[in-house]
Amino acid sequence: MREIIENMSSEEFARLCNRLVTHMGFKIRKSVYRENVVVLDAYMHVPGSALHYVIVFLRKPQVAREDLMDIIFSEETVELRWMIITTGYFEEAAKTLQGENVTLMDWKDFERLLNNFGMKEELERSKRGEEARKGRYLPSAGELDSQLQWAREFMEKENYEKALEYVNRALKIKETSTAKKLKAKILHGLGRNEEAVPLLTSVLEGNVGDDEAWFLLGEVLEAMNNLEEAERAYEQCIKFNSRNIGCWINRGNIMVEMEKYQEALLCYENALRLRENIPEVWSNRGVVLKHLGKYDEALQSYNTALKLNPDFAEAYLNKAYLYFDKKKYEKAQNEVVEYLKRRNDARGWLLLAQIYLKRGREKDAEESLKKVLELEPGNLEARELFKRIKTSREYEGFAEEMEKIKKSMIKVANALDENTGKEIEKKLSQGKIYDAWISLVRRWEDNREHLEREKDMLRNALIESLRILAKRKGVRLGNLKRMKSETLINALKKFKEEE
């Protein structure tokens, strides 16, 4: 028998404990399950009063006093009785805690209870086949709570598939509105929002004033990008419960997306009247005020959010955007750096790159954009900024080369004649580079024939002079016509120096 219980899954053990307590005559109000621990909040009616117990099942071989102290004093209790049942035994020190409000039951008592309520034989049959393991019993209200509890546990751990399995079991027992709403939450977590809508609609058909169902319907419709219908659902939620703070916040968020900023501001302020210490709402309020052009009030709202939570990253980023819009780039940089200390994401690095560009720090901007693309390789805005930086750099290089070319053009033009130099310089100053080139080429073409003729006459005169000097001194110079003009000039200089 003990081996069977030890080999049970956590779910099977919890189900066994739940059924045993129900057979003992208790009504279960709440149940919490952890691995090898089952805690049931239960009560039993007796003439004139009710016995209220916290019944704890421990699946472990031995229980020390420290174990019991941790359980009994883990939460505040008022006039409650404790019943601790283990599949093993209590150490001697643990037994000293047994008294008027604490009942200890070890393996022998546990086995006796199973036998008294006909469950021992059923468990032994479970070893012989799957059919017996299913239990062959009518489901109780306690088991419905058990299935819902497991569904919630798995949903909180984002194991939505397992949560869906348990909530479906609960719905087979009884289609309660609680189970339907829980299933809608799970389907929402799975992204199967279309399936959640009819579940919530059926709940509202049974109770149109269920503000939780309206709230869930709003979330589902919002996820489906049906903003107008989602806003109507949140409106109904508030109509039936004006203190549902989640509805006010979500409705405000939708109003922002729909660019209805005055309405959004009203929603956030209603939420803050209900609870004023929510940094997220103060930050959202600041975003709306900024859209309305109320920058000073927006800044105050962001600062309030940070006063409530100095590590609230989003408020730092919103402050950075505000300062960026006001062209206070140094302050914007300080705020976005604080944001990146707390959250390393593409939005922060992208804004920092934009700030660096505004401050003329292109290399730092490029490094920030590399960070963006490491986090989001497909970020189009970052890629576009990279192109802009590259184009700007190429343009600067081109501009430098153009300045050199302009200077050369003016030099050549002045060499031709003074009027040509003035004409070319004027066209360049007017940005008419192409026209200047055309004018300069034409002027060169007009003068080229004359210049070439003058050059040949000068060269022939130089050669003739050298021949005369060489003959006088008895020097052989070789074939002068093949020599470069520069060589001829140097030879002439040498002769002159010797004289």
Protein backbone atom coordinates (compact mmCIF):
# COMPACT_ATOMS: atom_id res chain seq x y z
CA MET A 1 0.00 0.00 0.00
CA ARG A 2 2.73 2.49 0.98
CA GLU A 3 4.64 1.64 -2.21
CA ILE A 4 1.56 2.45 -4.30
CA ILE A 5 1.24 5.91 -2.70
CA GLU A 6 4.96 6.64 -3.00
CA ASN A 7 4.83 5.87 -6.74
CA MET A 8 1.84 8.12 -7.40
CA SER A 9 2.29 11.31 -9.40
CA SER A 10 1.74 14.59 -7.53
CA GLU A 11 -1.66 14.95 -9.20
CA GLU A 12 -2.77 11.44 -8.21
CA PHE A 13 -1.63 11.95 -4.61
CA ALA A 14 -3.51 15.25 -4.38
CA ARG A 15 -6.64 13.62 -5.79
CA LEU A 16 -6.39 10.82 -3.22
CA CYS A 17 -6.07 13.27 -0.31
CA ASN A 18 -8.94 15.36 -1.62
CA ARG A 19 -11.28 12.37 -1.83
CA LEU A 20 -10.27 11.07 1.58
CA VAL A 21 -11.09 14.39 3.27
CA THR A 22 -14.42 14.57 1.43
CA HIS A 23 -15.30 11.03 2.58
CA MET A 24 -14.44 12.05 6.15
CA GLY A 25 -17.33 14.51 5.93
CA PHE A 26 -15.46 17.78 5.34
CA LYS A 27 -16.37 20.51 2.87
CA ILE A 28 -13.32 21.87 1.08
CA ARG A 29 -13.20 25.65 0.69
CA LYS A 30 -9.71 26.02 -0.70
CA SER A 31 -6.89 23.74 -1.73
CA VAL A 32 -3.20 24.29 -2.49
CA TYR A 33 -0.93 21.61 -3.92
CA ARG A 34 2.82 21.38 -4.12
CA GLU A 35 5.06 18.43 -4.82
CA ASN A 36 4.52 15.89 -1.99
CA VAL A 37 2.44 18.42 0.01
CA VAL A 38 -1.33 18.92 -0.07
CA VAL A 39 -2.99 21.66 2.03
CA LEU A 40 -6.80 21.75 2.32
CA ASP A 41 -8.86 24.47 4.01
CA ALA A 42 -11.89 22.42 5.19
CA TYR A 43 -14.76 22.58 7.64
CA MET A 44 -17.35 20.16 9.00
CA HIS A 45 -20.78 21.06 10.29
CA VAL A 46 -21.69 19.78 13.77
CA PRO A 47 -24.81 20.62 15.74
CA GLY A 48 -24.71 24.28 16.69
CA SER A 49 -21.28 25.06 15.21
CA ALA A 50 -18.64 24.04 12.64
CA LEU A 51 -15.20 22.48 12.93
CA HIS A 52 -12.68 24.39 10.82
CA TYR A 53 -9.42 22.58 9.98
CA VAL A 54 -6.35 23.11 7.89
CA ILE A 55 -5.58 19.55 6.81
CA VAL A 56 -2.03 18.95 5.57
CA PHE A 57 -0.85 15.74 3.89
CA LEU A 58 2.90 15.14 3.79
CA ARG A 59 4.27 12.44 1.52
CA LYS A 60 7.57 11.81 3.31
CA PRO A 61 9.05 9.00 5.46
CA GLN A 62 9.64 11.03 8.61
CA VAL A 63 8.56 14.43 9.91
CA ALA A 64 10.67 16.54 12.26
CA ARG A 65 9.48 19.26 14.65
CA GLU A 66 11.00 21.91 12.34
CA ASP A 67 8.84 20.66 9.47
CA LEU A 68 5.68 21.15 11.50
CA MET A 69 6.77 24.54 12.81
CA ASP A 70 7.32 25.75 9.23
CA ILE A 71 3.84 24.59 8.23
CA ILE A 72 1.85 25.77 11.24
CA PHE A 73 3.48 29.20 11.45
CA SER A 74 3.78 29.81 7.71
CA GLU A 75 0.63 31.96 7.65
CA GLU A 76 -1.61 33.80 10.09
CA THR A 77 -4.46 31.69 11.42
CA VAL A 78 -7.24 32.56 13.84
CA GLU A 79 -8.91 29.87 15.93
CA LEU A 80 -8.04 27.14 13.44
CA ARG A 81 -7.33 23.51 14.08
CA TRP A 82 -4.51 21.72 12.29
CA MET A 83 -4.59 18.11 11.16
CA ILE A 84 -1.20 16.86 9.90
CA ILE A 85 -1.26 13.48 8.12
CA THR A 86 1.92 11.80 6.88
CA THR A 87 2.68 8.66 4.89
CA GLY A 88 5.61 8.04 7.25
CA TYR A 89 6.01 8.72 10.98
CA PHE A 90 6.58 11.67 13.34
CA GLU A 91 9.83 11.99 15.22
CA GLU A 92 9.51 12.17 19.02
CA ALA A 93 10.24 15.90 19.13
CA ALA A 94 7.48 16.52 16.59
CA LYS A 95 4.92 14.71 18.70
CA THR A 96 5.27 17.33 21.46
CA LEU A 97 3.35 19.78 19.25
CA GLN A 98 0.22 17.63 19.32
CA GLY A 99 -2.45 19.26 21.46
CA GLU A 100 -5.85 20.86 21.43
CA ASN A 101 -5.39 22.58 18.07
CA VAL A 102 -2.93 20.19 16.39
CA THR A 103 -3.75 16.60 15.48
CA LEU A 104 -0.97 14.32 14.19
CA MET A 105 -1.75 11.18 12.17
CA ASP A 106 1.06 8.91 10.93
CA TRP A 107 1.08 6.08 8.41
CA LYS A 108 -0.96 3.68 10.59
CA ASP A 109 -3.73 6.28 10.96
CA PHE A 110 -3.57 7.12 7.24
CA GLU A 111 -3.88 3.47 6.29
CA ARG A 112 -6.77 3.03 8.75
CA LEU A 113 -8.66 5.95 7.20
CA LEU A 114 -8.18 4.56 3.69
CA ASN A 115 -9.47 1.18 4.87
CA ASN A 116 -12.46 2.66 6.75
CA PHE A 117 -13.66 4.55 3.66
CA GLY A 118 -13.17 1.66 1.23
CA MET A 119 -10.22 3.24 -0.55
CA LYS A 120 -7.53 0.72 0.40
CA GLU A 121 -8.97 -2.02 -1.79
CA GLU A 122 -9.43 0.44 -4.62
CA LEU A 123 -5.79 1.50 -4.47
CA GLU A 124 -4.63 -2.11 -4.53
CA ARG A 125 -6.75 -2.70 -7.61
CA SER A 126 -5.00 0.24 -9.25
CA LYS A 127 -1.89 -1.86 -9.63
CA ARG A 128 -3.77 -4.25 -11.87
CA GLY A 129 -4.91 -1.91 -14.59
CA GLU A 130 -5.61 1.54 -15.94
CA GLU A 131 -9.37 1.20 -15.48
CA ALA A 132 -9.03 0.77 -11.72
CA ARG A 133 -6.57 3.67 -11.59
CA LYS A 134 -9.27 6.01 -12.92
CA GLY A 135 -11.06 5.60 -9.62
CA ARG A 136 -14.58 4.31 -10.41
CA TYR A 137 -16.19 6.98 -8.31
CA LEU A 138 -18.45 9.93 -8.88
CA PRO A 139 -16.54 13.22 -8.94
CA SER A 140 -17.00 15.44 -5.91
CA ALA A 141 -17.01 19.19 -5.52
CA GLY A 142 -13.62 18.80 -3.89
CA GLU A 143 -12.24 17.16 -7.01
CA LEU A 144 -13.54 20.05 -9.14
CA ASP A 145 -11.56 22.45 -6.93
CA SER A 146 -8.55 20.16 -7.25
CA GLN A 147 -8.60 20.23 -11.06
CA LEU A 148 -9.01 24.01 -11.10
CA GLN A 149 -6.17 24.44 -8.61
CA TRP A 150 -3.81 22.39 -10.77
CA ALA A 151 -4.88 24.38 -13.82
CA ARG A 152 -4.07 27.65 -12.02
CA GLU A 153 -0.72 26.30 -10.82
CA PHE A 154 0.38 25.37 -14.35
CA MET A 155 -0.98 28.60 -15.81
CA GLU A 156 1.06 30.67 -13.33
CA LYS A 157 4.15 28.76 -14.46
CA GLU A 158 3.14 29.48 -18.10
CA ASN A 159 2.72 25.77 -18.80
CA TYR A 160 -0.49 26.51 -20.68
CA GLU A 161 -0.87 23.14 -22.37
CA LYS A 162 -0.88 21.32 -19.04
CA ALA A 163 -3.18 23.97 -17.54
CA LEU A 164 -5.62 23.45 -20.41
CA GLU A 165 -5.65 19.71 -19.75
CA TYR A 166 -6.73 20.23 -16.13
CA VAL A 167 -9.30 22.94 -16.79
CA ASN A 168 -10.93 20.70 -19.41
CA ARG A 169 -11.16 17.97 -16.77
CA ALA A 170 -12.86 20.44 -14.44
CA LEU A 171 -15.34 21.43 -17.16
CA LYS A 172 -16.24 17.78 -17.69
CA ILE A 173 -17.18 17.64 -14.00
CA LYS A 174 -19.21 20.84 -14.15
CA GLU A 175 -19.33 23.81 -16.54
CA THR A 176 -19.00 26.59 -13.99
CA SER A 177 -18.36 30.23 -14.89
CA THR A 178 -15.13 30.05 -12.86
CA ALA A 179 -13.86 27.18 -15.00
CA LYS A 180 -14.89 28.94 -18.23
CA LYS A 181 -13.11 32.15 -17.28
CA LEU A 182 -10.01 30.20 -16.28
CA LYS A 183 -10.02 28.37 -19.61
CA ALA A 184 -10.39 31.71 -21.42
CA LYS A 185 -7.28 32.97 -19.59
CA ILE A 186 -5.34 29.86 -20.57
CA LEU A 187 -6.42 30.11 -24.22
CA HIS A 188 -5.38 33.77 -24.16
CA GLY A 189 -1.96 32.68 -22.89
CA LEU A 190 -1.74 30.21 -25.79
CA GLY A 191 -2.67 32.92 -28.30
CA ARG A 192 -5.91 31.11 -29.16
CA ASN A 193 -8.04 34.18 -28.54
CA GLU A 194 -10.80 33.33 -31.03
CA GLU A 195 -11.64 30.24 -28.93
CA ALA A 196 -11.79 32.32 -25.74
CA VAL A 197 -14.48 34.72 -27.02
CA PRO A 198 -17.44 32.26 -27.04
CA LEU A 199 -16.49 30.99 -23.56
CA LEU A 200 -16.65 34.51 -22.11
CA THR A 201 -19.78 35.33 -24.07
CA SER A 202 -21.52 32.31 -22.52
CA VAL A 203 -20.47 33.47 -19.04
CA LEU A 204 -21.92 36.94 -19.69
CA GLU A 205 -25.14 35.46 -21.04
CA GLY A 206 -25.55 33.84 -17.62
CA ASN A 207 -24.46 36.94 -15.68
CA VAL A 208 -24.15 40.20 -17.60
CA GLY A 209 -22.78 41.93 -14.49
CA ASP A 210 -19.66 39.74 -14.26
CA ASP A 211 -17.01 42.49 -14.45
CA GLU A 212 -14.15 39.93 -14.48
CA ALA A 213 -15.60 38.33 -17.62
CA TRP A 214 -15.90 41.76 -19.28
CA PHE A 215 -12.30 42.51 -18.32
CA LEU A 216 -11.06 39.20 -19.78
CA LEU A 217 -13.11 39.76 -22.93
CA GLY A 218 -11.48 43.19 -23.30
CA GLU A 219 -8.00 41.65 -23.03
CA VAL A 220 -8.84 38.97 -25.60
CA LEU A 221 -10.32 41.47 -28.08
CA GLU A 222 -7.34 43.78 -27.58
CA ALA A 223 -4.97 40.91 -28.40
CA MET A 224 -7.00 40.37 -31.58
CA ASN A 225 -6.41 44.09 -32.39
CA ASN A 226 -10.15 44.77 -32.22
CA LEU A 227 -9.60 47.94 -30.22
CA GLU A 228 -13.06 49.46 -30.49
CA GLU A 229 -14.81 46.30 -29.26
CA ALA A 230 -12.18 45.88 -26.54
CA GLU A 231 -12.82 49.44 -25.36
CA ARG A 232 -16.56 48.70 -25.19
CA ALA A 233 -15.85 45.59 -23.10
CA TYR A 234 -13.75 47.62 -20.65
CA GLU A 235 -16.51 50.23 -20.53
CA GLN A 236 -19.00 47.53 -19.49
CA CYS A 237 -16.52 46.25 -16.91
CA ILE A 238 -16.35 49.72 -15.34
CA LYS A 239 -20.12 50.11 -15.56
CA PHE A 240 -20.64 47.06 -13.36
CA ASN A 241 -17.61 47.67 -11.13
CA SER A 242 -16.17 51.18 -11.19
CA ARG A 243 -13.45 50.06 -8.78
CA ASN A 244 -11.95 47.54 -11.19
CA ILE A 245 -8.60 49.27 -11.55
CA GLY A 246 -7.38 46.92 -14.28
CA CYS A 247 -10.24 48.01 -16.53
CA TRP A 248 -9.40 51.68 -16.08
CA ILE A 249 -5.73 51.07 -16.92
CA ASN A 250 -6.39 48.88 -19.96
CA ARG A 251 -9.03 51.25 -21.26
CA GLY A 252 -6.54 54.10 -20.94
CA ASN A 253 -3.93 52.12 -22.89
CA ILE A 254 -6.40 51.54 -25.72
CA MET A 255 -7.29 55.24 -25.81
CA VAL A 256 -3.59 56.03 -26.27
CA GLU A 257 -3.39 53.64 -29.22
CA MET A 258 -6.48 55.29 -30.68
CA GLU A 259 -4.86 58.72 -30.08
CA LYS A 260 -7.71 59.80 -27.78
CA TYR A 261 -5.37 61.39 -25.27
CA GLN A 262 -7.86 63.36 -23.17
CA GLU A 263 -9.94 60.19 -22.63
CA ALA A 264 -6.78 58.23 -21.80
CA LEU A 265 -5.75 60.84 -19.22
CA LEU A 266 -9.16 60.57 -17.54
CA CYS A 267 -8.83 56.75 -17.35
CA TYR A 268 -5.36 56.90 -15.76
CA GLU A 269 -6.42 59.51 -13.25
CA ASN A 270 -9.45 57.41 -12.25
CA ALA A 271 -7.09 54.45 -11.74
CA LEU A 272 -4.81 56.61 -9.56
CA ARG A 273 -7.78 57.71 -7.43
CA LEU A 274 -8.32 54.05 -6.60
CA ARG A 275 -4.65 53.40 -5.93
CA GLU A 276 -2.07 56.14 -6.26
CA ASN A 277 1.11 54.10 -5.76
CA ILE A 278 1.31 52.40 -9.19
CA PRO A 279 4.43 53.62 -11.03
CA GLU A 280 3.28 52.16 -14.37
CA VAL A 281 0.16 54.32 -14.36
CA TRP A 282 2.10 57.47 -13.47
CA SER A 283 4.47 56.74 -16.36
CA ASN A 284 1.58 56.16 -18.79
CA ARG A 285 -0.02 59.38 -17.58
CA GLY A 286 3.22 61.17 -18.41
CA VAL A 287 3.16 59.78 -21.97
CA VAL A 288 -0.35 61.15 -22.48
CA LEU A 289 0.55 64.57 -21.07
CA LYS A 290 3.54 64.71 -23.42
CA HIS A 291 1.24 63.99 -26.38
CA LEU A 292 -0.95 66.86 -25.15
CA GLY A 293 2.07 69.17 -25.15
CA LYS A 294 2.18 69.46 -21.34
CA TYR A 295 5.88 68.68 -20.97
CA ASP A 296 6.39 69.99 -17.43
CA GLU A 297 3.43 67.98 -16.09
CA ALA A 298 4.63 64.92 -18.01
CA LEU A 299 8.07 65.23 -16.41
CA GLN A 300 6.49 65.48 -12.96
CA SER A 301 4.48 62.33 -13.67
CA TYR A 302 7.61 60.40 -14.72
CA ASN A 303 9.43 61.59 -11.59
CA THR A 304 6.54 60.42 -9.41
CA ALA A 305 6.80 56.97 -11.02
CA LEU A 306 10.53 56.87 -10.22
CA LYS A 307 9.93 58.06 -6.68
CA LEU A 308 7.62 55.08 -6.18
CA ASN A 309 10.07 52.72 -7.90
CA PRO A 310 13.62 54.03 -8.58
CA ASP A 311 14.31 50.95 -10.74
CA PHE A 312 11.29 51.40 -13.02
CA ALA A 313 13.14 51.37 -16.36
CA GLU A 314 10.27 52.55 -18.59
CA ALA A 315 10.03 55.90 -16.79
CA TYR A 316 13.71 56.63 -17.53
CA LEU A 317 13.14 55.88 -21.22
CA ASN A 318 10.06 58.10 -21.33
CA LYS A 319 12.02 60.94 -19.73
CA ALA A 320 14.75 60.46 -22.35
CA TYR A 321 12.20 60.76 -25.17
CA LEU A 322 10.80 63.92 -23.59
CA TYR A 323 14.23 65.58 -23.33
CA PHE A 324 15.08 64.45 -26.88
CA ASP A 325 11.93 66.13 -28.22
CA LYS A 326 12.89 69.32 -26.36
CA LYS A 327 16.43 69.12 -27.87
CA LYS A 328 18.03 68.73 -24.45
CA TYR A 329 20.32 66.00 -25.71
CA GLU A 330 22.70 65.77 -22.75
CA LYS A 331 19.81 65.21 -20.32
CA ALA A 332 18.24 62.74 -22.75
CA GLN A 333 21.54 60.84 -22.87
CA ASN A 334 21.75 60.65 -19.06
CA GLU A 335 18.21 59.24 -18.80
CA VAL A 336 18.63 56.62 -21.53
CA VAL A 337 21.89 55.45 -19.91
CA GLU A 338 19.94 54.89 -16.67
CA TYR A 339 17.37 52.94 -18.68
CA LEU A 340 20.03 50.71 -20.27
CA LYS A 341 21.50 49.94 -16.85
CA ARG A 342 18.18 48.34 -15.99
CA ARG A 343 17.03 46.96 -19.34
CA ASN A 344 19.29 46.06 -22.26
CA ASP A 345 16.99 46.40 -25.26
CA ALA A 346 16.94 47.77 -28.81
CA ARG A 347 14.72 50.78 -28.01
CA GLY A 348 17.24 52.21 -25.57
CA TRP A 349 20.27 51.70 -27.82
CA LEU A 350 18.43 53.14 -30.83
CA LEU A 351 17.49 56.31 -28.94
CA LEU A 352 21.07 56.62 -27.67
CA ALA A 353 22.34 56.38 -31.27
CA GLN A 354 19.97 59.17 -32.31
CA ILE A 355 21.17 61.32 -29.40
CA TYR A 356 24.82 60.75 -30.36
CA LEU A 357 24.08 61.82 -33.95
CA LYS A 358 22.48 65.02 -32.70
CA ARG A 359 25.63 65.66 -30.63
CA GLY A 360 27.95 64.99 -33.60
CA ARG A 361 29.37 61.74 -32.16
CA GLU A 362 29.09 59.49 -35.19
CA LYS A 363 31.45 56.75 -33.97
CA ASP A 364 29.51 56.39 -30.70
CA ALA A 365 26.27 56.33 -32.71
CA GLU A 366 27.63 53.51 -34.87
CA GLU A 367 28.57 51.48 -31.77
CA SER A 368 25.06 51.95 -30.36
CA LEU A 369 23.50 50.86 -33.66
CA LYS A 370 25.64 47.71 -33.60
CA LYS A 371 24.10 46.94 -30.18
CA VAL A 372 20.62 47.41 -31.66
CA LEU A 373 21.34 44.96 -34.50
CA GLU A 374 22.83 42.42 -32.10
CA LEU A 375 19.52 42.42 -30.22
CA GLU A 376 17.28 42.84 -33.28
CA PRO A 377 19.10 41.95 -36.53
CA GLY A 378 16.09 42.99 -38.61
CA ASN A 379 15.65 46.46 -37.10
CA LEU A 380 15.01 48.63 -40.18
CA GLU A 381 15.36 51.96 -38.37
CA ALA A 382 18.86 51.06 -37.18
CA ARG A 383 19.89 49.95 -40.68
CA GLU A 384 18.56 53.21 -42.15
CA LEU A 385 20.57 55.25 -39.64
CA PHE A 386 23.71 53.28 -40.58
CA LYS A 387 23.12 54.21 -44.24
CA ARG A 388 22.66 57.87 -43.33
CA ILE A 389 25.96 57.95 -41.44
CA LYS A 390 27.79 56.26 -44.33
CA THR A 391 26.24 58.61 -46.91
CA SER A 392 27.12 61.64 -44.80
CA ARG A 393 30.72 60.48 -44.49
CA GLU A 394 30.99 59.83 -48.24
CA TYR A 395 29.55 63.29 -48.94
CA GLU A 396 32.13 64.93 -46.68
CA GLY A 397 34.93 63.12 -48.55
CA PHE A 398 33.45 64.17 -51.88
CA ALA A 399 33.21 67.77 -50.70
CA GLU A 400 36.90 67.80 -49.75
CA GLU A 401 37.89 66.48 -53.20
CA MET A 402 35.65 69.04 -54.89
CA GLU A 403 37.41 71.86 -53.04
CA LYS A 404 40.76 70.62 -54.33
CA ILE A 405 39.41 70.42 -57.88
CA LYS A 406 37.95 73.95 -57.64
CA LYS A 407 41.33 75.34 -56.53
CA SER A 408 43.06 73.58 -59.46
CA MET A 409 40.49 74.93 -61.92
CA ILE A 410 41.03 78.51 -60.68
CA LYS A 411 44.83 78.06 -60.90
CA VAL A 412 44.62 76.85 -64.54
CA ALA A 413 42.17 79.62 -65.43
CA ASN A 414 44.46 82.31 -63.97
CA ALA A 415 47.37 80.85 -65.93
CA LEU A 416 45.45 81.36 -69.16
CA ASP A 417 44.59 84.99 -68.41
CA GLU A 418 43.17 87.17 -65.65
CA ASN A 419 39.69 87.49 -67.15
CA THR A 420 39.31 83.71 -67.48
CA GLY A 421 40.36 83.29 -63.84
CA LYS A 422 37.70 85.75 -62.67
CA GLU A 423 35.01 84.14 -64.83
CA ILE A 424 35.72 80.60 -63.56
CA GLU A 425 35.95 81.72 -59.92
CA LYS A 426 32.56 83.48 -60.17
CA LYS A 427 30.82 80.41 -61.62
CA LEU A 428 32.29 78.17 -58.93
CA SER A 429 31.10 80.52 -56.17
CA GLN A 430 27.59 80.27 -57.66
CA GLY A 431 27.76 76.46 -57.53
CA LYS A 432 27.85 76.20 -61.33
CA ILE A 433 30.64 73.62 -61.37
CA TYR A 434 29.61 72.00 -64.67
CA ASP A 435 29.38 75.40 -66.43
CA ALA A 436 32.80 76.33 -65.05
CA TRP A 437 34.32 73.13 -66.45
CA ILE A 438 32.80 73.74 -69.90
CA SER A 439 34.10 77.33 -69.99
CA LEU A 440 37.58 76.30 -68.87
CA VAL A 441 37.86 73.48 -71.47
CA ARG A 442 36.71 75.75 -74.30
CA ARG A 443 39.17 78.51 -73.30
CA TRP A 444 42.00 75.93 -73.19
CA GLU A 445 41.01 74.61 -76.64
CA ASP A 446 41.06 78.17 -78.03
CA ASN A 447 44.60 78.80 -76.72
CA ARG A 448 46.14 75.32 -77.05
CA GLU A 449 47.47 75.72 -80.67
CA HIS A 450 49.14 79.04 -79.87
CA LEU A 451 50.72 77.70 -76.67
CA GLU A 452 52.10 74.55 -78.33
CA ARG A 453 53.73 76.66 -81.07
CA GLU A 454 55.37 78.94 -78.50
CA LYS A 455 56.67 75.94 -76.57
CA ASP A 456 58.36 74.44 -79.68
CA MET A 457 59.98 77.74 -80.57
CA LEU A 458 61.38 78.03 -77.05
CA ARG A 459 62.75 74.46 -77.08
CA ASN A 460 64.48 74.89 -80.49
CA ALA A 461 66.06 78.11 -79.27
CA LEU A 462 67.37 76.34 -76.19
CA ILE A 463 68.90 73.46 -78.22
CA GLU A 464 70.61 75.89 -80.58
CA SER A 465 72.09 77.81 -77.64
CA LEU A 466 73.48 74.60 -76.10
CA ARG A 467 75.10 73.53 -79.37
CA ILE A 468 76.88 76.88 -79.66
CA LEU A 469 78.13 76.68 -76.05
CA ALA A 470 79.22 73.03 -76.38
CA LYS A 471 81.18 73.73 -79.62
CA ARG A 472 82.96 76.66 -77.97
CA LYS A 473 84.03 74.53 -74.96
CA GLY A 474 84.68 71.35 -76.97
CA VAL A 475 82.05 69.32 -75.12
CA ARG A 476 79.94 66.54 -76.63
CA LEU A 477 76.32 66.59 -75.42
CA GLY A 478 74.79 63.80 -77.52
CA ASN A 479 71.43 63.98 -79.31
CA LEU A 480 69.87 67.10 -77.80
CA LYS A 481 66.53 66.63 -79.57
CA ARG A 482 65.87 63.45 -77.59
CA MET A 483 66.53 65.09 -74.26
CA LYS A 484 63.71 66.28 -72.01
CA SER A 485 63.17 70.00 -71.71
CA GLU A 486 64.08 69.85 -68.02
CA THR A 487 67.48 68.24 -68.90
CA LEU A 488 68.17 70.89 -71.49
CA ILE A 489 67.43 73.68 -69.00
CA ASN A 490 69.73 72.11 -66.36
CA ALA A 491 72.54 71.80 -68.94
CA LEU A 492 72.12 75.46 -69.84
CA LYS A 493 72.30 76.41 -66.16
CA LYS A 494 75.53 74.40 -65.76
CA PHE A 495 77.19 76.15 -68.69
CA LYS A 496 76.20 79.54 -67.30
CA GLU A 497 77.62 78.65 -63.86
CA GLU A 498 80.99 77.61 -65.38
CA GLU A 499 81.29 80.93 -67.11
